[in-house]
Every structure is written in structure tokens, then in C-alpha cells.
Amino acid sequence: MSKIACVFPGQGSQSVGMLADLASDFSIVKSVFEEASDAIGYDLFKVTQVDDGQLSQTEITQPALLTASIACLRVLQSETDFTPHFYAGHSLGEYTALIAANALGLSAGVKLVQARGQFMQQAVAPGEGAMYAIIGLDDNIIADVCAKVAADTKQVVAPVNYNSPGQVVIAGTKKAADAAALALKAAGAKRALPLAVSVPSHCLLMKGASIKLQALLNTIVLKQPTTPIVNNVDVAINDNVDDIKDALVRQLYMPVRWSQSVQYLIAQEVSEFIEVGPGKVLSGLIKRIDKSVTTRNMNSAKDLA
């Protein structure tokens, strides 16, 4: 039996003006944003529509993108009989998946990811971390080169996002990440692209942030998801709430195994992936992972056709 997975984007999919058209067509979009705004104390939809630099700050990006993705999901649910067999999300998108699967409320979710963004921002001083997308090199070579540079510099650098075959993101201190990028180009990478990010996510520099996140998660009530969620860190489906929280904590300083997560879902007979939320980043990655599957997007009225 062919199955459907709904996937939610992570940071990098946001853009100024996102969902403006969808919000004008469906009042539920504004309702979702109003609920999220009430929870965190400022007009979140306004932030997404004004080009003043705020949307690129991770403590604002995270609640804004999560809310936008849930708004897209609510439109899809209100207009169709959409019932996915699985959920998954890339990094931040995993929190969106928890809300979609009724394990976490929207208000609690936006406050949680706002704090997550703050913890991440506090973990590394501005300008002291860096991330690069490495294109066209084997995963094992990337890991080996990063390990060597880390040992040579005595600083942190490691693969942090296994996005698709031939696309891996590395992160670490600026010195080590810059050195690794040069070494990876020399090792045969087609490109080593610096990413415009404010924090080096999913590496050991986030260990301090993970401790703060763990303390916060201990105060939050999670329910067992009503739809299975494949997590980023273990590429596994957790039903136990404590295991879900543990995976979220480890996700901050361990790699996002997106490519493996998609392959896992395909092994569960998923043949259609619907990316719900701004952008089309995940759809592009999924097609590079396996061209045989179908991908669709849901972030505008025409996507309902």
C-alpha cells in the first residue's frame, strides 16, 4: 500500500512576505498567527511581512517558521481530507511535526522554539561560528576531513546536516569551519558555500544550549503523537515521551540525518511526500535522495488544486 508522509521545513525556508497570499485567501492563517502571537507577546505575522532584518534572528525565525508551517497545515486540513501516515521535520521542523501530531500545543510549541533559538544564540558569540554547505563529496570523506581539521586546530568542526547524497552541511568555530571548507575543496568538493546563519547548529558548540533546553523540556507536558514521527537524530519513531524529549535535546548538538530519514520512510512504503510550509527546500532534497517518489508542496492556494 502506498503511503504519504508530511514533512516540515527548518531554518532557511523562511522569507519576508511568506504566506501573504494564503493569508488573504484563508482566514485560518491569521487565526493561527494570532494564537502564536498571543503566546510570545508580539505580532508574529507582521514580523514575517516586514523586511527589517528581524526574521533572520534565530529566536524569531524559529517561532515564525513553525507557525507558518502549522498555518499551511491547517489550510490543507480544512480544505481536504488530508491524513498522512507519517510526519517528519528538518531540525526545527521536528517541533512542527510534534504539534501536527497532537503531542504539543501551538502556544507551548512557539514558546519552546523561541527559547530554543535564544539558547542557541547565547551558546556562541556572534561571528565565532560558521556553517558551510559542501557539494559533491562523499559523506565519509567529509567526516574524515572534518575530524582531521578538528584535531589539528583543537576546535570544533563536524558534519551536521546529511541533507542528500552529495550535499552535507558542516558547522563549527569559524577558524575550524573555514579551514575544513578549504580542505574539502582540495579533497574534491565541487563547492563549499558559506551559509548566512547566526549560529553553528547541530555541533558540539550547542552542548550548553542543549542543557538549557533539557531543563525547559522537563517542565513541558508532551503527549504521545497520534501519527508516527521519524526523528532526525536516531532515524526512529519514538512513542515514549521521555525518549522524544531526549532526542530533541541531542538534536541540538548531533547531526540531522535527513537523507537517512527519507530513506527510512521510503522503506515504510511511503511513495508521496508533501512539504507543508514555506519554500521548497525539502522537496528538492527528497528528489535528489530518490527520484522515484512523488513530491508536492503546500504553501499557497494553488497547491490545493
Protein backbone atom coordinates (compact mmCIF):
# COMPACT_ATOMS: atom_id res chain seq x y z
CA MET A 1 0.00 0.00 0.00
CA SER A 2 1.33 3.41 -0.98
CA LYS A 3 1.69 5.80 1.95
CA ILE A 4 2.02 9.57 2.41
CA ALA A 5 4.50 11.44 4.62
CA CYS A 6 4.08 15.08 5.56
CA VAL A 7 7.38 16.91 6.09
CA PHE A 8 8.06 20.32 7.63
CA PRO A 9 10.95 22.66 6.76
CA GLY A 10 13.66 24.01 9.02
CA GLN A 11 15.53 27.31 9.14
CA GLY A 12 16.47 28.65 5.74
CA SER A 13 12.98 28.19 4.27
CA GLN A 14 11.66 31.46 5.70
CA SER A 15 11.29 34.57 3.55
CA VAL A 16 9.93 38.06 4.03
CA GLY A 17 6.33 38.15 2.80
CA MET A 18 5.77 34.43 3.20
CA LEU A 19 2.13 33.30 3.22
CA ALA A 20 0.81 36.78 2.36
CA ASP A 21 -1.34 35.35 -0.47
CA LEU A 22 -2.50 32.36 1.57
CA ALA A 23 -3.47 34.65 4.46
CA SER A 24 -5.60 36.77 2.12
CA ASP A 25 -7.39 33.66 0.84
CA PHE A 26 -7.88 31.80 4.15
CA SER A 27 -8.72 33.46 7.47
CA ILE A 28 -7.41 30.43 9.37
CA VAL A 29 -3.86 31.56 8.54
CA LYS A 30 -4.27 34.79 10.51
CA SER A 31 -6.00 32.86 13.31
CA VAL A 32 -3.00 30.55 13.69
CA PHE A 33 -0.62 33.52 13.72
CA GLU A 34 -2.79 35.34 16.29
CA GLU A 35 -2.67 32.33 18.63
CA ALA A 36 1.12 32.14 18.29
CA SER A 37 1.50 35.92 18.70
CA ASP A 38 -0.54 35.87 21.91
CA ALA A 39 1.80 33.19 23.28
CA ILE A 40 5.06 35.06 22.65
CA GLY A 41 3.91 38.65 23.02
CA TYR A 42 4.41 40.27 19.62
CA ASP A 43 2.79 40.31 16.18
CA LEU A 44 4.45 37.36 14.51
CA PHE A 45 2.69 37.77 11.16
CA LYS A 46 3.80 41.41 10.93
CA VAL A 47 7.40 40.33 11.53
CA THR A 48 7.18 37.94 8.58
CA GLN A 49 5.93 40.67 6.26
CA VAL A 50 8.41 43.47 7.07
CA ASP A 51 11.96 43.46 5.71
CA ASP A 52 13.75 44.86 8.77
CA GLY A 53 16.18 42.00 9.47
CA GLN A 54 14.26 40.53 12.40
CA LEU A 55 13.21 37.39 10.54
CA SER A 56 16.86 36.31 10.22
CA GLN A 57 17.35 36.28 14.02
CA THR A 58 17.06 32.65 15.07
CA GLU A 59 14.88 33.32 18.15
CA ILE A 60 12.36 34.97 15.78
CA THR A 61 12.93 32.71 12.76
CA GLN A 62 12.05 29.59 14.70
CA PRO A 63 8.58 30.57 16.01
CA ALA A 64 7.77 32.35 12.73
CA LEU A 65 8.60 29.37 10.54
CA LEU A 66 6.90 26.88 12.84
CA THR A 67 3.73 29.00 12.89
CA ALA A 68 3.78 29.44 9.12
CA SER A 69 4.06 25.70 8.61
CA ILE A 70 1.19 24.97 11.01
CA ALA A 71 -0.91 27.61 9.22
CA CYS A 72 -0.29 25.82 5.91
CA LEU A 73 -1.22 22.52 7.53
CA ARG A 74 -4.47 23.95 8.96
CA VAL A 75 -5.47 25.21 5.49
CA LEU A 76 -4.72 21.80 3.99
CA GLN A 77 -6.74 20.07 6.71
CA SER A 78 -9.68 22.47 6.34
CA GLU A 79 -9.88 22.07 2.56
CA THR A 80 -9.09 18.35 2.08
CA ASP A 81 -9.37 15.02 3.89
CA PHE A 82 -5.59 15.02 4.39
CA THR A 83 -4.44 12.12 6.62
CA PRO A 84 -0.71 11.38 6.36
CA HIS A 85 0.74 8.10 7.59
CA PHE A 86 3.93 9.73 8.91
CA TYR A 87 5.35 13.11 9.88
CA ALA A 88 8.95 14.29 9.82
CA GLY A 89 10.66 17.66 10.03
CA HIS A 90 14.12 19.02 9.33
CA SER A 91 15.62 20.27 12.61
CA LEU A 92 13.12 22.95 13.73
CA GLY A 93 10.55 21.14 11.58
CA GLU A 94 10.54 18.28 14.06
CA TYR A 95 8.81 20.60 16.57
CA THR A 96 6.23 21.45 13.90
CA ALA A 97 5.67 17.72 13.46
CA LEU A 98 5.01 17.33 17.19
CA ILE A 99 2.28 19.98 17.01
CA ALA A 100 0.82 18.39 13.86
CA ALA A 101 0.72 15.01 15.63
CA ASN A 102 -1.07 16.49 18.67
CA ALA A 103 1.87 15.87 21.01
CA LEU A 104 2.31 19.58 21.72
CA GLY A 105 0.04 22.62 21.55
CA LEU A 106 0.82 25.55 19.27
CA SER A 107 1.17 28.09 22.09
CA ALA A 108 3.53 25.86 24.04
CA GLY A 109 5.39 24.99 20.84
CA VAL A 110 6.14 28.56 19.76
CA LYS A 111 7.33 29.48 23.25
CA LEU A 112 9.53 26.38 23.28
CA VAL A 113 11.21 27.11 19.95
CA GLN A 114 11.60 30.80 20.80
CA ALA A 115 13.56 29.71 23.89
CA ARG A 116 15.46 27.15 21.80
CA GLY A 117 16.54 29.95 19.47
CA GLN A 118 17.63 32.09 22.41
CA PHE A 119 19.65 29.23 23.92
CA MET A 120 21.35 28.61 20.58
CA GLN A 121 22.15 32.30 20.10
CA GLN A 122 23.62 32.53 23.61
CA ALA A 123 25.82 29.45 23.12
CA VAL A 124 28.23 31.05 20.63
CA ALA A 125 29.27 34.71 20.39
CA PRO A 126 28.34 36.47 17.13
CA GLY A 127 30.90 35.81 14.42
CA GLU A 128 32.62 32.96 16.26
CA GLY A 129 30.82 30.13 14.47
CA ALA A 130 30.27 29.22 10.82
CA MET A 131 28.47 26.73 8.59
CA TYR A 132 29.24 25.60 5.05
CA ALA A 133 27.28 23.53 2.55
CA ILE A 134 29.64 21.02 0.96
CA ILE A 135 28.53 19.96 -2.51
CA GLY A 136 29.69 16.92 -4.45
CA LEU A 137 31.74 14.91 -1.98
CA ASP A 138 31.24 11.55 -0.26
CA ASP A 139 29.91 11.68 3.31
CA ASN A 140 32.80 9.64 4.70
CA ILE A 141 35.42 11.91 3.16
CA ILE A 142 33.69 14.95 4.66
CA ALA A 143 33.63 13.31 8.10
CA ASP A 144 37.29 12.31 7.86
CA VAL A 145 38.48 15.75 6.76
CA CYS A 146 36.46 17.48 9.50
CA ALA A 147 37.90 15.10 12.11
CA LYS A 148 41.44 15.88 10.95
CA VAL A 149 40.87 19.65 10.96
CA ALA A 150 39.26 19.45 14.40
CA ALA A 151 42.29 17.55 15.73
CA ASP A 152 44.77 19.93 14.07
CA THR A 153 43.05 23.11 15.25
CA LYS A 154 41.81 21.69 18.56
CA GLN A 155 38.50 23.31 17.72
CA VAL A 156 35.02 22.06 16.79
CA VAL A 157 34.03 21.27 13.21
CA ALA A 158 31.87 18.37 12.02
CA PRO A 159 29.20 17.31 9.50
CA VAL A 160 25.86 18.44 10.92
CA ASN A 161 23.23 18.04 8.17
CA TYR A 162 23.20 14.97 5.92
CA ASN A 163 20.72 16.55 3.53
CA SER A 164 21.02 14.40 0.41
CA PRO A 165 23.67 12.43 -1.47
CA GLY A 166 26.33 14.99 -2.37
CA GLN A 167 25.02 17.70 -0.05
CA VAL A 168 26.29 17.85 3.53
CA VAL A 169 26.47 20.88 5.81
CA ILE A 170 29.37 21.30 8.24
CA ALA A 171 29.48 23.55 11.30
CA GLY A 172 31.92 24.63 13.98
CA THR A 173 34.08 27.51 15.12
CA LYS A 174 34.82 30.00 12.35
CA LYS A 175 38.51 29.12 12.26
CA ALA A 176 37.94 25.37 12.04
CA ALA A 177 34.98 25.58 9.64
CA ASP A 178 36.89 27.88 7.30
CA ALA A 179 39.88 25.53 7.35
CA ALA A 180 37.67 22.48 6.76
CA ALA A 181 35.95 24.18 3.83
CA LEU A 182 39.33 24.82 2.18
CA ALA A 183 40.48 21.26 2.87
CA LEU A 184 37.26 19.82 1.46
CA LYS A 185 37.62 21.85 -1.73
CA ALA A 186 41.14 20.45 -2.02
CA ALA A 187 39.74 16.95 -1.44
CA GLY A 188 37.43 17.30 -4.44
CA ALA A 189 34.26 19.09 -3.29
CA LYS A 190 32.58 20.91 -6.16
CA ARG A 191 31.59 23.77 -3.88
CA ALA A 192 31.93 24.87 -0.27
CA LEU A 193 29.29 27.53 0.28
CA PRO A 194 29.28 29.66 3.45
CA LEU A 195 25.76 29.84 4.91
CA ALA A 196 24.23 33.06 6.18
CA VAL A 197 23.36 31.80 9.66
CA SER A 198 23.65 33.36 13.11
CA VAL A 199 24.59 30.14 14.94
CA PRO A 200 26.53 26.96 14.06
CA SER A 201 23.73 24.45 14.64
CA HIS A 202 23.89 20.72 15.44
CA CYS A 203 27.53 20.61 16.55
CA LEU A 204 29.18 20.33 19.96
CA LEU A 205 29.21 24.12 20.32
CA MET A 206 25.48 23.74 21.09
CA LYS A 207 26.05 21.46 24.11
CA GLY A 208 25.45 24.34 26.51
CA ALA A 209 22.23 25.21 24.73
CA SER A 210 21.12 21.57 24.96
CA ILE A 211 21.47 21.61 28.76
CA LYS A 212 19.17 24.64 28.96
CA LEU A 213 16.74 23.03 26.52
CA GLN A 214 16.65 19.84 28.58
CA ALA A 215 15.77 21.80 31.71
CA LEU A 216 12.95 23.56 29.86
CA LEU A 217 11.63 20.35 28.29
CA ASN A 218 11.44 18.83 31.77
CA THR A 219 8.76 21.44 32.59
CA ILE A 220 6.69 20.82 29.45
CA VAL A 221 3.93 18.24 29.07
CA LEU A 222 4.25 16.23 25.86
CA LYS A 223 1.68 13.68 24.73
CA GLN A 224 2.25 10.57 22.67
CA PRO A 225 2.00 11.55 18.98
CA THR A 226 -1.21 10.43 17.25
CA THR A 227 0.74 9.99 13.98
CA PRO A 228 4.24 8.45 13.90
CA ILE A 229 7.13 10.97 13.68
CA VAL A 230 10.56 9.98 12.36
CA ASN A 231 13.17 11.89 14.36
CA ASN A 232 16.33 13.48 12.97
CA VAL A 233 18.92 12.05 15.34
CA ASP A 234 18.14 8.33 15.55
CA VAL A 235 16.07 7.99 12.36
CA ALA A 236 13.50 6.25 14.52
CA ILE A 237 9.89 6.54 15.65
CA ASN A 238 9.56 7.18 19.38
CA ASP A 239 6.27 6.68 21.20
CA ASN A 240 7.69 7.25 24.68
CA VAL A 241 7.53 10.93 25.69
CA ASP A 242 10.84 10.81 27.59
CA ASP A 243 12.56 9.34 24.54
CA ILE A 244 11.09 12.10 22.34
CA LYS A 245 12.43 14.77 24.68
CA ASP A 246 15.83 13.10 24.83
CA ALA A 247 16.05 13.05 21.03
CA LEU A 248 15.14 16.76 20.88
CA VAL A 249 17.94 17.57 23.32
CA ARG A 250 20.52 15.52 21.38
CA GLN A 251 19.33 17.03 18.11
CA LEU A 252 20.85 20.37 19.14
CA TYR A 253 24.42 19.04 19.10
CA MET A 254 24.15 15.97 16.83
CA PRO A 255 23.67 15.76 13.05
CA VAL A 256 20.32 15.98 11.28
CA ARG A 257 20.17 12.74 9.29
CA TRP A 258 17.67 13.90 6.72
CA SER A 259 18.78 11.68 3.87
CA GLN A 260 18.53 8.60 6.09
CA SER A 261 15.14 9.73 7.43
CA VAL A 262 13.71 9.96 3.90
CA GLN A 263 15.16 6.54 3.03
CA TYR A 264 13.61 5.13 6.21
CA LEU A 265 10.19 6.49 5.21
CA ILE A 266 10.51 5.04 1.71
CA ALA A 267 11.31 1.68 3.34
CA GLN A 268 7.97 2.05 5.20
CA GLU A 269 6.24 2.19 1.77
CA VAL A 270 5.99 5.98 1.58
CA SER A 271 5.82 7.00 -2.09
CA GLU A 272 4.48 10.55 -1.71
CA PHE A 273 5.98 13.39 0.33
CA ILE A 274 4.08 16.62 0.95
CA GLU A 275 6.22 19.53 2.15
CA VAL A 276 3.96 21.72 4.26
CA GLY A 277 5.30 25.21 4.94
CA PRO A 278 7.28 27.98 3.25
CA GLY A 279 9.74 27.18 0.49
CA LYS A 280 10.54 24.00 -1.41
CA VAL A 281 13.89 23.05 0.13
CA LEU A 282 12.87 19.61 1.38
CA SER A 283 11.11 18.65 -1.86
CA GLY A 284 14.32 19.32 -3.76
CA LEU A 285 16.37 17.25 -1.31
CA ILE A 286 13.89 14.37 -1.40
CA LYS A 287 14.01 14.16 -5.21
CA ARG A 288 17.81 14.01 -5.01
CA ILE A 289 17.56 11.21 -2.46
CA ASP A 290 15.11 9.14 -4.55
CA LYS A 291 13.76 10.30 -7.92
CA SER A 292 11.06 7.62 -7.91
CA VAL A 293 8.92 9.26 -5.20
CA THR A 294 6.34 11.99 -5.71
CA THR A 295 6.75 15.35 -4.00
CA ARG A 296 4.19 18.11 -3.52
CA ASN A 297 4.15 21.42 -1.69
CA MET A 298 1.56 23.21 0.39
CA ASN A 299 2.17 26.92 0.91
CA SER A 300 -0.27 28.66 -1.45
CA ALA A 301 -3.89 28.37 -2.61
CA LYS A 302 -2.87 26.88 -5.96
CA ASP A 303 -1.23 23.97 -4.14
CA LEU A 304 -4.71 22.76 -3.16
CA ALA A 305 -5.67 22.17 -6.79
